[in-house]
N, C-alpha and C. Protein backbone atom coordinates (compact mmCIF):
# COMPACT_ATOMS: atom_id res chain seq x y z
N MET A 1 0.85 -1.17 0.00
CA MET A 1 0.00 0.00 0.00
C MET A 1 0.90 1.24 0.00
N PRO A 2 0.58 2.25 -0.80
CA PRO A 2 1.43 3.45 -0.87
C PRO A 2 1.37 4.27 0.42
N ASP A 3 2.45 4.97 0.68
CA ASP A 3 2.52 5.87 1.83
C ASP A 3 2.09 7.25 1.37
N LEU A 4 0.93 7.70 1.76
CA LEU A 4 0.38 8.99 1.34
C LEU A 4 0.75 10.09 2.31
N LYS A 5 0.94 11.28 1.80
CA LYS A 5 1.20 12.44 2.67
C LYS A 5 -0.05 12.81 3.47
N LEU A 6 -1.20 12.62 2.86
CA LEU A 6 -2.45 12.93 3.53
C LEU A 6 -2.85 11.76 4.41
N ALA A 7 -2.99 12.02 5.70
CA ALA A 7 -3.41 10.96 6.62
C ALA A 7 -4.90 10.67 6.43
N LYS A 8 -5.33 9.55 6.97
CA LYS A 8 -6.74 9.20 6.91
C LYS A 8 -7.55 10.32 7.56
N LEU A 9 -8.61 10.74 6.89
CA LEU A 9 -9.43 11.82 7.41
C LEU A 9 -10.14 11.39 8.69
N PRO A 10 -10.28 12.32 9.64
CA PRO A 10 -10.96 11.99 10.89
C PRO A 10 -12.47 11.89 10.67
N GLU A 11 -13.14 11.34 11.66
CA GLU A 11 -14.60 11.27 11.63
C GLU A 11 -15.14 12.69 11.54
N ARG A 12 -16.02 12.94 10.60
CA ARG A 12 -16.54 14.29 10.40
C ARG A 12 -18.04 14.40 10.63
N LYS A 13 -18.66 13.32 11.04
CA LYS A 13 -20.10 13.38 11.30
C LYS A 13 -20.33 14.21 12.57
N PRO A 14 -21.10 15.28 12.47
CA PRO A 14 -21.34 16.12 13.65
C PRO A 14 -22.03 15.33 14.76
N VAL A 15 -21.71 15.70 15.98
CA VAL A 15 -22.33 15.12 17.16
C VAL A 15 -23.22 16.19 17.76
N LYS A 16 -24.49 15.89 17.90
CA LYS A 16 -25.43 16.87 18.45
C LYS A 16 -25.43 16.76 19.97
N MET A 17 -25.30 17.91 20.61
CA MET A 17 -25.33 17.96 22.07
C MET A 17 -26.39 18.96 22.50
N THR A 18 -27.02 18.67 23.59
CA THR A 18 -27.96 19.61 24.19
C THR A 18 -27.39 20.00 25.54
N ILE A 19 -27.29 21.30 25.79
CA ILE A 19 -26.73 21.75 27.06
C ILE A 19 -27.66 22.79 27.68
N ASN A 20 -27.52 22.95 28.97
CA ASN A 20 -28.24 23.99 29.71
C ASN A 20 -27.25 25.09 30.05
N LEU A 21 -27.66 26.33 29.80
CA LEU A 21 -26.81 27.48 30.07
C LEU A 21 -27.41 28.32 31.18
N ALA A 22 -26.53 28.90 31.97
CA ALA A 22 -26.98 29.88 32.95
C ALA A 22 -27.49 31.10 32.17
N PRO A 23 -28.51 31.77 32.69
CA PRO A 23 -29.06 32.93 31.97
C PRO A 23 -28.02 33.98 31.63
N ASP A 24 -27.07 34.24 32.54
CA ASP A 24 -26.06 35.26 32.26
C ASP A 24 -25.11 34.83 31.14
N LEU A 25 -24.80 33.54 31.05
CA LEU A 25 -23.97 33.05 29.96
C LEU A 25 -24.72 33.15 28.64
N HIS A 26 -25.99 32.79 28.64
CA HIS A 26 -26.79 32.91 27.42
C HIS A 26 -26.83 34.37 26.95
N GLN A 27 -27.00 35.30 27.89
CA GLN A 27 -27.03 36.71 27.55
C GLN A 27 -25.69 37.15 26.96
N ALA A 28 -24.59 36.70 27.56
CA ALA A 28 -23.26 37.07 27.06
C ALA A 28 -23.04 36.51 25.66
N LEU A 29 -23.47 35.29 25.40
CA LEU A 29 -23.33 34.70 24.07
C LEU A 29 -24.17 35.45 23.04
N THR A 30 -25.36 35.85 23.44
CA THR A 30 -26.22 36.63 22.55
C THR A 30 -25.57 37.97 22.23
N GLU A 31 -24.98 38.60 23.23
CA GLU A 31 -24.29 39.87 23.02
C GLU A 31 -23.06 39.67 22.12
N TYR A 32 -22.35 38.56 22.31
CA TYR A 32 -21.19 38.26 21.48
C TYR A 32 -21.62 38.14 20.02
N ALA A 33 -22.73 37.45 19.79
CA ALA A 33 -23.23 37.29 18.42
C ALA A 33 -23.56 38.65 17.80
N ALA A 34 -24.09 39.57 18.61
CA ALA A 34 -24.40 40.91 18.11
C ALA A 34 -23.11 41.67 17.75
N VAL A 35 -22.10 41.55 18.58
CA VAL A 35 -20.82 42.20 18.29
C VAL A 35 -20.19 41.57 17.05
N TYR A 36 -20.29 40.26 16.94
CA TYR A 36 -19.77 39.56 15.76
C TYR A 36 -20.42 40.12 14.50
N GLU A 37 -21.73 40.30 14.54
CA GLU A 37 -22.44 40.85 13.38
C GLU A 37 -21.97 42.27 13.07
N ALA A 38 -21.78 43.08 14.11
CA ALA A 38 -21.33 44.45 13.90
C ALA A 38 -19.93 44.50 13.28
N VAL A 39 -19.07 43.58 13.70
CA VAL A 39 -17.69 43.56 13.21
C VAL A 39 -17.61 43.00 11.79
N TYR A 40 -18.31 41.90 11.54
CA TYR A 40 -18.18 41.20 10.26
C TYR A 40 -19.32 41.45 9.28
N GLY A 41 -20.37 42.14 9.73
CA GLY A 41 -21.48 42.45 8.84
C GLY A 41 -22.30 41.24 8.45
N ARG A 42 -22.23 40.22 9.25
CA ARG A 42 -22.98 39.00 8.95
C ARG A 42 -23.48 38.40 10.26
N ALA A 43 -24.78 38.19 10.34
CA ALA A 43 -25.36 37.59 11.54
C ALA A 43 -25.14 36.09 11.53
N GLU A 44 -24.74 35.57 12.67
CA GLU A 44 -24.60 34.13 12.86
C GLU A 44 -25.33 33.75 14.13
N PRO A 45 -26.12 32.69 14.10
CA PRO A 45 -26.76 32.23 15.33
C PRO A 45 -25.71 31.82 16.37
N VAL A 46 -26.05 32.02 17.62
CA VAL A 46 -25.14 31.63 18.70
C VAL A 46 -24.70 30.17 18.55
N GLY A 47 -25.64 29.31 18.20
CA GLY A 47 -25.32 27.89 18.05
C GLY A 47 -24.26 27.61 16.99
N ASN A 48 -24.14 28.49 16.00
CA ASN A 48 -23.09 28.32 14.98
C ASN A 48 -21.75 28.85 15.46
N LEU A 49 -21.76 29.80 16.37
CA LEU A 49 -20.52 30.38 16.88
C LEU A 49 -19.88 29.53 17.97
N VAL A 50 -20.69 28.89 18.80
CA VAL A 50 -20.18 28.18 19.97
C VAL A 50 -19.14 27.11 19.63
N PRO A 51 -19.33 26.26 18.61
CA PRO A 51 -18.29 25.26 18.34
C PRO A 51 -16.93 25.89 18.03
N TYR A 52 -16.93 27.01 17.31
CA TYR A 52 -15.67 27.68 16.99
C TYR A 52 -15.07 28.34 18.23
N MET A 53 -15.92 28.85 19.11
CA MET A 53 -15.44 29.43 20.35
C MET A 53 -14.80 28.35 21.23
N LEU A 54 -15.43 27.20 21.31
CA LEU A 54 -14.88 26.11 22.12
C LEU A 54 -13.56 25.60 21.53
N THR A 55 -13.50 25.49 20.21
CA THR A 55 -12.26 25.06 19.56
C THR A 55 -11.14 26.04 19.86
N SER A 56 -11.42 27.32 19.75
CA SER A 56 -10.42 28.35 20.03
C SER A 56 -9.95 28.27 21.48
N PHE A 57 -10.89 28.08 22.39
CA PHE A 57 -10.55 27.97 23.81
C PHE A 57 -9.64 26.77 24.06
N LEU A 58 -10.02 25.61 23.53
CA LEU A 58 -9.23 24.40 23.76
C LEU A 58 -7.84 24.50 23.14
N GLU A 59 -7.75 25.12 21.97
CA GLU A 59 -6.45 25.26 21.30
C GLU A 59 -5.53 26.22 22.05
N SER A 60 -6.09 27.14 22.82
CA SER A 60 -5.27 28.11 23.54
C SER A 60 -4.97 27.70 24.98
N ASP A 61 -5.53 26.60 25.43
CA ASP A 61 -5.33 26.15 26.81
C ASP A 61 -4.07 25.30 26.90
N ARG A 62 -2.99 25.90 27.37
CA ARG A 62 -1.70 25.20 27.43
C ARG A 62 -1.72 24.00 28.37
N GLY A 63 -2.39 24.13 29.49
CA GLY A 63 -2.48 23.02 30.43
C GLY A 63 -3.17 21.82 29.82
N PHE A 64 -4.24 22.08 29.08
CA PHE A 64 -4.96 21.00 28.41
C PHE A 64 -4.08 20.35 27.35
N ALA A 65 -3.37 21.17 26.56
CA ALA A 65 -2.49 20.63 25.52
C ALA A 65 -1.41 19.75 26.13
N LYS A 66 -0.83 20.19 27.24
CA LYS A 66 0.22 19.42 27.91
C LYS A 66 -0.34 18.09 28.43
N ALA A 67 -1.50 18.14 29.06
CA ALA A 67 -2.13 16.91 29.58
C ALA A 67 -2.48 15.96 28.44
N ARG A 68 -2.93 16.51 27.34
CA ARG A 68 -3.31 15.69 26.19
C ARG A 68 -2.08 14.99 25.58
N ARG A 69 -0.98 15.74 25.47
CA ARG A 69 0.26 15.15 24.96
C ARG A 69 0.76 14.05 25.88
N ALA A 70 0.69 14.27 27.17
CA ALA A 70 1.15 13.28 28.14
C ALA A 70 0.32 12.01 28.08
N LYS A 71 -0.95 12.16 27.76
CA LYS A 71 -1.85 11.02 27.70
C LYS A 71 -1.56 10.13 26.48
N SER A 72 -1.13 10.76 25.37
CA SER A 72 -0.91 9.97 24.15
C SER A 72 0.54 9.60 23.94
């Protein structure tokens, strides 16, 4: 079998989650979406922004990255 530069693609099927938010967090996320629209001129529902916000948070968390490397 040939050795390809492109690794096998990861699972891409979205996983649906339902979560409960504190009212103040919901308000902050709604306000963030409004600021996002003002900055980029495009409205996005909070639900579309949250996955990218979580990804950004996890990628910037050095402690998490270190623990993850140690685990693998």
